[in-house]
Amino acid sequence: YQRRVHGHPPPAQATVPTTGWGHMSSNVYADSDCPNIGILSYPVTVADCQTTCVFTPSCTAINYDPYSQTCIMRACSPTAVPSTSFPPFVSFALTTVSVQYCHVDP
């Protein structure tokens, strides 16, 4: 049994773009790399910092200090690279990846 969509069988596989956080970098995004669009200076976890960024328009990256638990949100272009070493801050960027799904008949 194959479920039909608009009279057609579902594709055997589909590639769907999705957004997620890339690998941590020991370099951070400087103001010359991309604009600072907000600072969370009260103690926040890295997960809270990332979640706030996702729900903040134009936020695409963060600089994070795990000791002071400070979060700096950035509006970076997809080609921006964190250029500055500023320990203990680290950075993360949102990336778009393609995820492949396969159709399996029940």
PDB file of N, CA and C in Angstrom:
ATOM      1  N   TYR A   1       0.847  -1.183   0.000  1.00  0.00           N
ATOM      2  CA  TYR A   1       0.000   0.000   0.000  1.00  0.00           C
ATOM      3  C   TYR A   1       0.880   1.229   0.000  1.00  0.00           C
ATOM      4  N   GLN A   2       0.683   2.109  -0.956  1.00  0.00           N
ATOM      5  CA  GLN A   2       1.378   3.386  -0.990  1.00  0.00           C
ATOM      6  C   GLN A   2       0.349   4.500  -0.902  1.00  0.00           C
ATOM      7  N   ARG A   3       0.572   5.401  -0.015  1.00  0.00           N
ATOM      8  CA  ARG A   3      -0.317   6.551   0.114  1.00  0.00           C
ATOM      9  C   ARG A   3      -0.014   7.528  -1.016  1.00  0.00           C
ATOM     10  N   ARG A   4      -1.032   7.934  -1.705  1.00  0.00           N
ATOM     11  CA  ARG A   4      -0.852   8.852  -2.825  1.00  0.00           C
ATOM     12  C   ARG A   4      -1.074  10.292  -2.371  1.00  0.00           C
ATOM     13  N   VAL A   5      -0.273  11.179  -2.928  1.00  0.00           N
ATOM     14  CA  VAL A   5      -0.389  12.605  -2.655  1.00  0.00           C
ATOM     15  C   VAL A   5      -0.710  13.284  -3.971  1.00  0.00           C
ATOM     16  N   HIS A   6      -1.859  13.930  -4.037  1.00  0.00           N
ATOM     17  CA  HIS A   6      -2.318  14.589  -5.263  1.00  0.00           C
ATOM     18  C   HIS A   6      -2.265  13.632  -6.451  1.00  0.00           C
ATOM     19  N   GLY A   7      -2.643  12.374  -6.212  1.00  0.00           N
ATOM     20  CA  GLY A   7      -2.705  11.386  -7.277  1.00  0.00           C
ATOM     21  C   GLY A   7      -1.380  10.733  -7.620  1.00  0.00           C
ATOM     22  N   HIS A   8      -0.311  11.114  -6.934  1.00  0.00           N
ATOM     23  CA  HIS A   8       1.011  10.560  -7.226  1.00  0.00           C
ATOM     24  C   HIS A   8       1.535   9.803  -6.007  1.00  0.00           C
ATOM     25  N   PRO A   9       2.291   8.730  -6.230  1.00  0.00           N
ATOM     26  CA  PRO A   9       2.898   8.041  -5.085  1.00  0.00           C
ATOM     27  C   PRO A   9       3.958   8.932  -4.449  1.00  0.00           C
ATOM     28  N   PRO A  10       4.252   8.751  -3.164  1.00  0.00           N
ATOM     29  CA  PRO A  10       5.279   9.569  -2.513  1.00  0.00           C
ATOM     30  C   PRO A  10       6.652   9.244  -3.101  1.00  0.00           C
ATOM     31  N   PRO A  11       7.565  10.205  -3.065  1.00  0.00           N
ATOM     32  CA  PRO A  11       8.900   9.933  -3.589  1.00  0.00           C
ATOM     33  C   PRO A  11       9.602   8.886  -2.734  1.00  0.00           C
ATOM     34  N   ALA A  12      10.502   8.124  -3.362  1.00  0.00           N
ATOM     35  CA  ALA A  12      11.254   7.106  -2.625  1.00  0.00           C
ATOM     36  C   ALA A  12      12.164   7.760  -1.598  1.00  0.00           C
ATOM     37  N   GLN A  13      12.674   8.940  -1.921  1.00  0.00           N
ATOM     38  CA  GLN A  13      13.469   9.681  -0.962  1.00  0.00           C
ATOM     39  C   GLN A  13      13.355  11.170  -1.268  1.00  0.00           C
ATOM     40  N   ALA A  14      13.601  11.959  -0.264  1.00  0.00           N
ATOM     41  CA  ALA A  14      13.521  13.409  -0.436  1.00  0.00           C
ATOM     42  C   ALA A  14      14.640  14.047   0.364  1.00  0.00           C
ATOM     43  N   THR A  15      15.169  15.145  -0.141  1.00  0.00           N
ATOM     44  CA  THR A  15      16.187  15.908   0.572  1.00  0.00           C
ATOM     45  C   THR A  15      15.532  17.181   1.078  1.00  0.00           C
ATOM     46  N   VAL A  16      15.644  17.407   2.378  1.00  0.00           N
ATOM     47  CA  VAL A  16      14.992  18.539   3.018  1.00  0.00           C
ATOM     48  C   VAL A  16      16.046  19.380   3.726  1.00  0.00           C
ATOM     49  N   PRO A  17      16.124  20.694   3.436  1.00  0.00           N
ATOM     50  CA  PRO A  17      17.078  21.524   4.157  1.00  0.00           C
ATOM     51  C   PRO A  17      16.600  21.772   5.585  1.00  0.00           C
ATOM     52  N   THR A  18      17.519  21.756   6.520  1.00  0.00           N
ATOM     53  CA  THR A  18      17.200  22.041   7.912  1.00  0.00           C
ATOM     54  C   THR A  18      18.334  22.850   8.515  1.00  0.00           C
ATOM     55  N   THR A  19      18.055  23.598   9.554  1.00  0.00           N
ATOM     56  CA  THR A  19      19.046  24.458  10.185  1.00  0.00           C
ATOM     57  C   THR A  19      19.466  23.867  11.522  1.00  0.00           C
ATOM     58  N   GLY A  20      20.761  23.966  11.818  1.00  0.00           N
ATOM     59  CA  GLY A  20      21.287  23.483  13.088  1.00  0.00           C
ATOM     60  C   GLY A  20      22.557  24.245  13.441  1.00  0.00           C
ATOM     61  N   TRP A  21      23.093  23.958  14.610  1.00  0.00           N
ATOM     62  CA  TRP A  21      24.299  24.636  15.070  1.00  0.00           C
ATOM     63  C   TRP A  21      25.527  23.875  14.612  1.00  0.00           C
ATOM     64  N   GLY A  22      26.483  24.592  14.036  1.00  0.00           N
ATOM     65  CA  GLY A  22      27.735  23.995  13.596  1.00  0.00           C
ATOM     66  C   GLY A  22      28.655  23.731  14.774  1.00  0.00           C
ATOM     67  N   HIS A  23      29.851  23.302  14.464  1.00  0.00           N
ATOM     68  CA  HIS A  23      30.846  22.989  15.487  1.00  0.00           C
ATOM     69  C   HIS A  23      31.307  24.247  16.210  1.00  0.00           C
ATOM     70  N   MET A  24      31.707  24.064  17.458  1.00  0.00           N
ATOM     71  CA  MET A  24      32.235  25.168  18.253  1.00  0.00           C
ATOM     72  C   MET A  24      33.591  25.598  17.690  1.00  0.00           C
ATOM     73  N   SER A  25      33.839  26.890  17.684  1.00  0.00           N
ATOM     74  CA  SER A  25      35.128  27.435  17.270  1.00  0.00           C
ATOM     75  C   SER A  25      35.766  28.152  18.451  1.00  0.00           C
ATOM     76  N   SER A  26      37.085  28.041  18.572  1.00  0.00           N
ATOM     77  CA  SER A  26      37.771  28.765  19.641  1.00  0.00           C
ATOM     78  C   SER A  26      37.986  30.227  19.257  1.00  0.00           C
ATOM     79  N   ASN A  27      37.784  30.572  17.982  1.00  0.00           N
ATOM     80  CA  ASN A  27      37.785  31.976  17.567  1.00  0.00           C
ATOM     81  C   ASN A  27      36.363  32.510  17.676  1.00  0.00           C
ATOM     82  N   VAL A  28      36.253  33.832  17.759  1.00  0.00           N
ATOM     83  CA  VAL A  28      34.936  34.459  17.885  1.00  0.00           C
ATOM     84  C   VAL A  28      34.724  35.449  16.745  1.00  0.00           C
ATOM     85  N   TYR A  29      33.453  35.832  16.566  1.00  0.00           N
ATOM     86  CA  TYR A  29      33.083  36.828  15.564  1.00  0.00           C
ATOM     87  C   TYR A  29      33.317  38.214  16.146  1.00  0.00           C
ATOM     88  N   ALA A  30      34.160  38.998  15.478  1.00  0.00           N
ATOM     89  CA  ALA A  30      34.419  40.384  15.875  1.00  0.00           C
ATOM     90  C   ALA A  30      33.379  41.283  15.220  1.00  0.00           C
ATOM     91  N   ASP A  31      33.294  42.531  15.683  1.00  0.00           N
ATOM     92  CA  ASP A  31      32.365  43.487  15.064  1.00  0.00           C
ATOM     93  C   ASP A  31      32.666  43.667  13.583  1.00  0.00           C
ATOM     94  N   SER A  32      33.929  43.523  13.190  1.00  0.00           N
ATOM     95  CA  SER A  32      34.295  43.657  11.778  1.00  0.00           C
ATOM     96  C   SER A  32      33.863  42.436  10.962  1.00  0.00           C
ATOM     97  N   ASP A  33      33.592  41.301  11.628  1.00  0.00           N
ATOM     98  CA  ASP A  33      33.118  40.092  10.946  1.00  0.00           C
ATOM     99  C   ASP A  33      31.616  40.161  10.690  1.00  0.00           C
ATOM    100  N   CYS A  34      30.861  40.562  11.710  1.00  0.00           N
ATOM    101  CA  CYS A  34      29.406  40.682  11.604  1.00  0.00           C
ATOM    102  C   CYS A  34      28.872  41.472  12.792  1.00  0.00           C
ATOM    103  N   PRO A  35      27.744  42.156  12.608  1.00  0.00           N
ATOM    104  CA  PRO A  35      27.229  43.054  13.645  1.00  0.00           C
ATOM    105  C   PRO A  35      26.766  42.330  14.912  1.00  0.00           C
ATOM    106  N   ASN A  36      27.008  42.989  16.024  1.00  0.00           N
ATOM    107  CA  ASN A  36      26.485  42.568  17.327  1.00  0.00           C
ATOM    108  C   ASN A  36      25.016  43.011  17.373  1.00  0.00           C
ATOM    109  N   ILE A  37      24.095  42.063  17.614  1.00  0.00           N
ATOM    110  CA  ILE A  37      22.672  42.443  17.639  1.00  0.00           C
ATOM    111  C   ILE A  37      22.040  42.255  19.011  1.00  0.00           C
ATOM    112  N   GLY A  38      22.866  41.937  20.013  1.00  0.00           N
ATOM    113  CA  GLY A  38      22.316  41.836  21.359  1.00  0.00           C
ATOM    114  C   GLY A  38      23.218  41.040  22.279  1.00  0.00           C
ATOM    115  N   ILE A  39      23.198  41.430  23.546  1.00  0.00           N
ATOM    116  CA  ILE A  39      24.011  40.751  24.561  1.00  0.00           C
ATOM    117  C   ILE A  39      23.100  40.298  25.692  1.00  0.00           C
ATOM    118  N   LEU A  40      23.243  39.047  26.074  1.00  0.00           N
ATOM    119  CA  LEU A  40      22.571  38.519  27.267  1.00  0.00           C
ATOM    120  C   LEU A  40      23.654  38.413  28.331  1.00  0.00           C
ATOM    121  N   SER A  41      23.649  39.343  29.303  1.00  0.00           N
ATOM    122  CA  SER A  41      24.744  39.393  30.268  1.00  0.00           C
ATOM    123  C   SER A  41      24.423  38.718  31.592  1.00  0.00           C
ATOM    124  N   TYR A  42      23.159  38.347  31.789  1.00  0.00           N
ATOM    125  CA  TYR A  42      22.846  37.582  32.986  1.00  0.00           C
ATOM    126  C   TYR A  42      23.265  36.142  32.712  1.00  0.00           C
ATOM    127  N   PRO A  43      23.497  35.341  33.711  1.00  0.00           N
ATOM    128  CA  PRO A  43      23.956  33.971  33.434  1.00  0.00           C
ATOM    129  C   PRO A  43      22.954  33.181  32.592  1.00  0.00           C
ATOM    130  N   VAL A  44      23.426  32.740  31.408  1.00  0.00           N
ATOM    131  CA  VAL A  44      22.629  31.893  30.528  1.00  0.00           C
ATOM    132  C   VAL A  44      23.481  30.698  30.112  1.00  0.00           C
ATOM    133  N   THR A  45      22.841  29.585  29.867  1.00  0.00           N
ATOM    134  CA  THR A  45      23.559  28.423  29.355  1.00  0.00           C
ATOM    135  C   THR A  45      23.786  28.614  27.858  1.00  0.00           C
ATOM    136  N   VAL A  46      24.692  27.836  27.294  1.00  0.00           N
ATOM    137  CA  VAL A  46      24.918  27.922  25.860  1.00  0.00           C
ATOM    138  C   VAL A  46      23.647  27.519  25.104  1.00  0.00           C
ATOM    139  N   ALA A  47      22.906  26.558  25.627  1.00  0.00           N
ATOM    140  CA  ALA A  47      21.657  26.133  24.984  1.00  0.00           C
ATOM    141  C   ALA A  47      20.632  27.269  24.988  1.00  0.00           C
ATOM    142  N   ASP A  48      20.521  28.002  26.112  1.00  0.00           N
ATOM    143  CA  ASP A  48      19.604  29.147  26.179  1.00  0.00           C
ATOM    144  C   ASP A  48      20.039  30.255  25.216  1.00  0.00           C
ATOM    145  N   CYS A  49      21.337  30.458  25.104  1.00  0.00           N
ATOM    146  CA  CYS A  49      21.879  31.459  24.184  1.00  0.00           C
ATOM    147  C   CYS A  49      21.516  31.094  22.746  1.00  0.00           C
ATOM    148  N   GLN A  50      21.712  29.826  22.386  1.00  0.00           N
ATOM    149  CA  GLN A  50      21.393  29.374  21.036  1.00  0.00           C
ATOM    150  C   GLN A  50      19.891  29.473  20.754  1.00  0.00           C
ATOM    151  N   THR A  51      19.072  29.104  21.721  1.00  0.00           N
ATOM    152  CA  THR A  51      17.619  29.175  21.540  1.00  0.00           C
ATOM    153  C   THR A  51      17.169  30.617  21.354  1.00  0.00           C
ATOM    154  N   THR A  52      17.716  31.525  22.153  1.00  0.00           N
ATOM    155  CA  THR A  52      17.365  32.937  22.019  1.00  0.00           C
ATOM    156  C   THR A  52      17.761  33.448  20.645  1.00  0.00           C
ATOM    157  N   CYS A  53      18.919  33.037  20.163  1.00  0.00           N
ATOM    158  CA  CYS A  53      19.367  33.445  18.834  1.00  0.00           C
ATOM    159  C   CYS A  53      18.401  32.956  17.760  1.00  0.00           C
ATOM    160  N   VAL A  54      17.996  31.705  17.842  1.00  0.00           N
ATOM    161  CA  VAL A  54      17.089  31.137  16.835  1.00  0.00           C
ATOM    162  C   VAL A  54      15.804  31.954  16.734  1.00  0.00           C
ATOM    163  N   PHE A  55      15.329  32.473  17.879  1.00  0.00           N
ATOM    164  CA  PHE A  55      14.076  33.229  17.888  1.00  0.00           C
ATOM    165  C   PHE A  55      14.281  34.741  17.748  1.00  0.00           C
ATOM    166  N   THR A  56      15.517  35.155  17.486  1.00  0.00           N
ATOM    167  CA  THR A  56      15.814  36.572  17.278  1.00  0.00           C
ATOM    168  C   THR A  56      16.023  36.805  15.784  1.00  0.00           C
ATOM    169  N   PRO A  57      15.193  37.648  15.165  1.00  0.00           N
ATOM    170  CA  PRO A  57      15.350  37.895  13.732  1.00  0.00           C
ATOM    171  C   PRO A  57      16.777  38.334  13.393  1.00  0.00           C
ATOM    172  N   SER A  58      17.313  37.799  12.354  1.00  0.00           N
ATOM    173  CA  SER A  58      18.640  38.060  11.780  1.00  0.00           C
ATOM    174  C   SER A  58      19.800  37.449  12.572  1.00  0.00           C
ATOM    175  N   CYS A  59      19.553  36.814  13.701  1.00  0.00           N
ATOM    176  CA  CYS A  59      20.648  36.195  14.449  1.00  0.00           C
ATOM    177  C   CYS A  59      21.064  34.894  13.766  1.00  0.00           C
ATOM    178  N   THR A  60      22.353  34.790  13.463  1.00  0.00           N
ATOM    179  CA  THR A  60      22.870  33.612  12.775  1.00  0.00           C
ATOM    180  C   THR A  60      24.083  32.993  13.467  1.00  0.00           C
ATOM    181  N   ALA A  61      24.587  33.666  14.527  1.00  0.00           N
ATOM    182  CA  ALA A  61      25.770  33.158  15.225  1.00  0.00           C
ATOM    183  C   ALA A  61      25.806  33.727  16.638  1.00  0.00           C
ATOM    184  N   ILE A  62      26.595  33.070  17.474  1.00  0.00           N
ATOM    185  CA  ILE A  62      26.776  33.558  18.846  1.00  0.00           C
ATOM    186  C   ILE A  62      28.238  33.459  19.248  1.00  0.00           C
ATOM    187  N   ASN A  63      28.651  34.373  20.131  1.00  0.00           N
ATOM    188  CA  ASN A  63      29.879  34.246  20.904  1.00  0.00           C
ATOM    189  C   ASN A  63      29.427  33.954  22.328  1.00  0.00           C
ATOM    190  N   TYR A  64      30.096  33.014  22.994  1.00  0.00           N
ATOM    191  CA  TYR A  64      29.644  32.608  24.322  1.00  0.00           C
ATOM    192  C   TYR A  64      30.832  32.441  25.256  1.00  0.00           C
ATOM    193  N   ASP A  65      30.706  33.003  26.468  1.00  0.00           N
ATOM    194  CA  ASP A  65      31.714  32.844  27.519  1.00  0.00           C
ATOM    195  C   ASP A  65      31.170  31.865  28.551  1.00  0.00           C
ATOM    196  N   PRO A  66      31.718  30.653  28.619  1.00  0.00           N
ATOM    197  CA  PRO A  66      31.184  29.662  29.556  1.00  0.00           C
ATOM    198  C   PRO A  66      31.431  30.000  31.027  1.00  0.00           C
ATOM    199  N   TYR A  67      32.398  30.886  31.314  1.00  0.00           N
ATOM    200  CA  TYR A  67      32.683  31.223  32.709  1.00  0.00           C
ATOM    201  C   TYR A  67      31.722  32.275  33.244  1.00  0.00           C
ATOM    202  N   SER A  68      31.550  33.357  32.510  1.00  0.00           N
ATOM    203  CA  SER A  68      30.610  34.397  32.953  1.00  0.00           C
ATOM    204  C   SER A  68      29.201  34.100  32.469  1.00  0.00           C
ATOM    205  N   GLN A  69      29.053  33.127  31.571  1.00  0.00           N
ATOM    206  CA  GLN A  69      27.780  32.740  30.950  1.00  0.00           C
ATOM    207  C   GLN A  69      27.137  33.940  30.249  1.00  0.00           C
ATOM    208  N   THR A  70      27.976  34.620  29.464  1.00  0.00           N
ATOM    209  CA  THR A  70      27.546  35.766  28.676  1.00  0.00           C
ATOM    210  C   THR A  70      27.380  35.342  27.219  1.00  0.00           C
ATOM    211  N   CYS A  71      26.334  35.859  26.592  1.00  0.00           N
ATOM    212  CA  CYS A  71      25.992  35.504  25.219  1.00  0.00           C
ATOM    213  C   CYS A  71      25.962  36.767  24.366  1.00  0.00           C
ATOM    214  N   ILE A  72      26.692  36.750  23.248  1.00  0.00           N
ATOM    215  CA  ILE A  72      26.664  37.853  22.295  1.00  0.00           C
ATOM    216  C   ILE A  72      26.102  37.310  20.986  1.00  0.00           C
ATOM    217  N   MET A  73      24.964  37.849  20.578  1.00  0.00           N
ATOM    218  CA  MET A  73      24.320  37.392  19.343  1.00  0.00           C
ATOM    219  C   MET A  73      24.818  38.219  18.165  1.00  0.00           C
ATOM    220  N   ARG A  74      24.983  37.538  17.023  1.00  0.00           N
ATOM    221  CA  ARG A  74      25.540  38.175  15.833  1.00  0.00           C
ATOM    222  C   ARG A  74      24.659  37.938  14.611  1.00  0.00           C
ATOM    223  N   ALA A  75      24.659  38.904  13.697  1.00  0.00           N
ATOM    224  CA  ALA A  75      23.971  38.778  12.410  1.00  0.00           C
ATOM    225  C   ALA A  75      25.047  38.621  11.342  1.00  0.00           C
ATOM    226  N   CYS A  76      25.472  37.382  11.120  1.00  0.00           N
ATOM    227  CA  CYS A  76      26.582  37.094  10.204  1.00  0.00           C
ATOM    228  C   CYS A  76      26.064  36.625   8.851  1.00  0.00           C
ATOM    229  N   SER A  77      26.848  36.891   7.827  1.00  0.00           N
ATOM    230  CA  SER A  77      26.543  36.343   6.504  1.00  0.00           C
ATOM    231  C   SER A  77      26.916  34.855   6.523  1.00  0.00           C
ATOM    232  N   PRO A  78      26.387  34.077   5.587  1.00  0.00           N
ATOM    233  CA  PRO A  78      26.727  32.651   5.553  1.00  0.00           C
ATOM    234  C   PRO A  78      28.212  32.379   5.335  1.00  0.00           C
ATOM    235  N   THR A  79      28.949  33.366   4.808  1.00  0.00           N
ATOM    236  CA  THR A  79      30.372  33.156   4.550  1.00  0.00           C
ATOM    237  C   THR A  79      31.279  33.739   5.635  1.00  0.00           C
ATOM    238  N   ALA A  80      30.700  34.347   6.661  1.00  0.00           N
ATOM    239  CA  ALA A  80      31.508  34.950   7.730  1.00  0.00           C
ATOM    240  C   ALA A  80      32.288  33.876   8.475  1.00  0.00           C
ATOM    241  N   VAL A  81      33.500  34.237   8.861  1.00  0.00           N
ATOM    242  CA  VAL A  81      34.379  33.323   9.592  1.00  0.00           C
ATOM    243  C   VAL A  81      34.799  34.012  10.882  1.00  0.00           C
ATOM    244  N   PRO A  82      34.724  33.300  12.022  1.00  0.00           N
ATOM    245  CA  PRO A  82      35.184  33.916  13.269  1.00  0.00           C
ATOM    246  C   PRO A  82      36.695  34.147  13.211  1.00  0.00           C
ATOM    247  N   SER A  83      37.119  35.412  13.331  1.00  0.00           N
ATOM    248  CA  SER A  83      38.508  35.763  13.037  1.00  0.00           C
ATOM    249  C   SER A  83      39.375  36.065  14.247  1.00  0.00           C
ATOM    250  N   THR A  84      38.761  36.201  15.413  1.00  0.00           N
ATOM    251  CA  THR A  84      39.495  36.725  16.564  1.00  0.00           C
ATOM    252  C   THR A  84      39.547  35.716  17.706  1.00  0.00           C
ATOM    253  N   SER A  85      40.710  35.588  18.307  1.00  0.00           N
ATOM    254  CA  SER A  85      40.848  34.773  19.511  1.00  0.00           C
ATOM    255  C   SER A  85      40.597  35.677  20.710  1.00  0.00           C
ATOM    256  N   PHE A  86      39.639  35.298  21.544  1.00  0.00           N
ATOM    257  CA  PHE A  86      39.296  36.104  22.718  1.00  0.00           C
ATOM    258  C   PHE A  86      38.861  35.173  23.849  1.00  0.00           C
ATOM    259  N   PRO A  87      39.821  34.361  24.372  1.00  0.00           N
ATOM    260  CA  PRO A  87      39.463  33.402  25.438  1.00  0.00           C
ATOM    261  C   PRO A  87      38.873  34.121  26.643  1.00  0.00           C
ATOM    262  N   PRO A  88      37.924  33.541  27.324  1.00  0.00           N
ATOM    263  CA  PRO A  88      37.414  32.175  27.172  1.00  0.00           C
ATOM    264  C   PRO A  88      36.230  32.055  26.204  1.00  0.00           C
ATOM    265  N   PHE A  89      35.915  33.139  25.451  1.00  0.00           N
ATOM    266  CA  PHE A  89      34.783  33.080  24.529  1.00  0.00           C
ATOM    267  C   PHE A  89      35.013  32.046  23.433  1.00  0.00           C
ATOM    268  N   VAL A  90      33.923  31.421  23.016  1.00  0.00           N
ATOM    269  CA  VAL A  90      33.889  30.510  21.869  1.00  0.00           C
ATOM    270  C   VAL A  90      32.712  30.950  20.997  1.00  0.00           C
ATOM    271  N   SER A  91      32.632  30.416  19.788  1.00  0.00           N
ATOM    272  CA  SER A  91      31.526  30.806  18.914  1.00  0.00           C
ATOM    273  C   SER A  91      30.864  29.597  18.276  1.00  0.00           C
ATOM    274  N   PHE A  92      29.628  29.814  17.867  1.00  0.00           N
ATOM    275  CA  PHE A  92      28.833  28.827  17.140  1.00  0.00           C
ATOM    276  C   PHE A  92      28.078  29.576  16.045  1.00  0.00           C
ATOM    277  N   ALA A  93      27.828  28.912  14.923  1.00  0.00           N
ATOM    278  CA  ALA A  93      27.052  29.523  13.837  1.00  0.00           C
ATOM    279  C   ALA A  93      25.959  28.569  13.394  1.00  0.00           C
ATOM    280  N   LEU A  94      24.829  29.153  13.021  1.00  0.00           N
ATOM    281  CA  LEU A  94      23.761  28.356  12.425  1.00  0.00           C
ATOM    282  C   LEU A  94      24.184  27.934  11.032  1.00  0.00           C
ATOM    283  N   THR A  95      23.936  26.697  10.704  1.00  0.00           N
ATOM    284  CA  THR A  95      24.259  26.195   9.370  1.00  0.00           C
ATOM    285  C   THR A  95      23.030  25.503   8.800  1.00  0.00           C
ATOM    286  N   THR A  96      22.947  25.496   7.490  1.00  0.00           N
ATOM    287  CA  THR A  96      21.869  24.775   6.825  1.00  0.00           C
ATOM    288  C   THR A  96      22.464  23.512   6.221  1.00  0.00           C
ATOM    289  N   VAL A  97      21.869  22.395   6.555  1.00  0.00           N
ATOM    290  CA  VAL A  97      22.313  21.114   6.020  1.00  0.00           C
ATOM    291  C   VAL A  97      21.135  20.455   5.334  1.00  0.00           C
ATOM    292  N   SER A  98      21.423  19.562   4.426  1.00  0.00           N
ATOM    293  CA  SER A  98      20.375  18.808   3.753  1.00  0.00           C
ATOM    294  C   SER A  98      20.261  17.442   4.411  1.00  0.00           C
ATOM    295  N   VAL A  99      19.057  17.101   4.795  1.00  0.00           N
ATOM    296  CA  VAL A  99      18.789  15.810   5.421  1.00  0.00           C
ATOM    297  C   VAL A  99      17.978  14.980   4.437  1.00  0.00           C
ATOM    298  N   GLN A 100      18.417  13.756   4.207  1.00  0.00           N
ATOM    299  CA  GLN A 100      17.691  12.874   3.292  1.00  0.00           C
ATOM    300  C   GLN A 100      16.745  11.974   4.070  1.00  0.00           C
ATOM    301  N   TYR A 101      15.526  11.915   3.603  1.00  0.00           N
ATOM    302  CA  TYR A 101      14.510  11.039   4.175  1.00  0.00           C
ATOM    303  C   TYR A 101      14.156   9.993   3.127  1.00  0.00           C
ATOM    304  N   CYS A 102      13.997   8.787   3.577  1.00  0.00           N
ATOM    305  CA  CYS A 102      13.587   7.702   2.672  1.00  0.00           C
ATOM    306  C   CYS A 102      12.172   7.282   3.004  1.00  0.00           C
ATOM    307  N   HIS A 103      11.389   7.022   1.969  1.00  0.00           N
ATOM    308  CA  HIS A 103      10.010   6.560   2.160  1.00  0.00           C
ATOM    309  C   HIS A 103      10.022   5.039   2.331  1.00  0.00           C
ATOM    310  N   VAL A 104       9.361   4.581   3.354  1.00  0.00           N
ATOM    311  CA  VAL A 104       9.246   3.153   3.601  1.00  0.00           C
ATOM    312  C   VAL A 104       7.768   2.808   3.681  1.00  0.00           C
ATOM    313  N   ASP A 105       7.335   1.855   2.891  1.00  0.00           N
ATOM    314  CA  ASP A 105       5.938   1.426   2.952  1.00  0.00           C
ATOM    315  C   ASP A 105       5.687   0.668   4.244  1.00  0.00           C
ATOM    316  N   PRO A 106       4.519   0.902   4.851  1.00  0.00           N
ATOM    317  CA  PRO A 106       4.196   0.163   6.088  1.00  0.00           C
ATOM    318  C   PRO A 106       3.879  -1.290   5.797  1.00  0.00           C
TER     319      PRO A 106
END
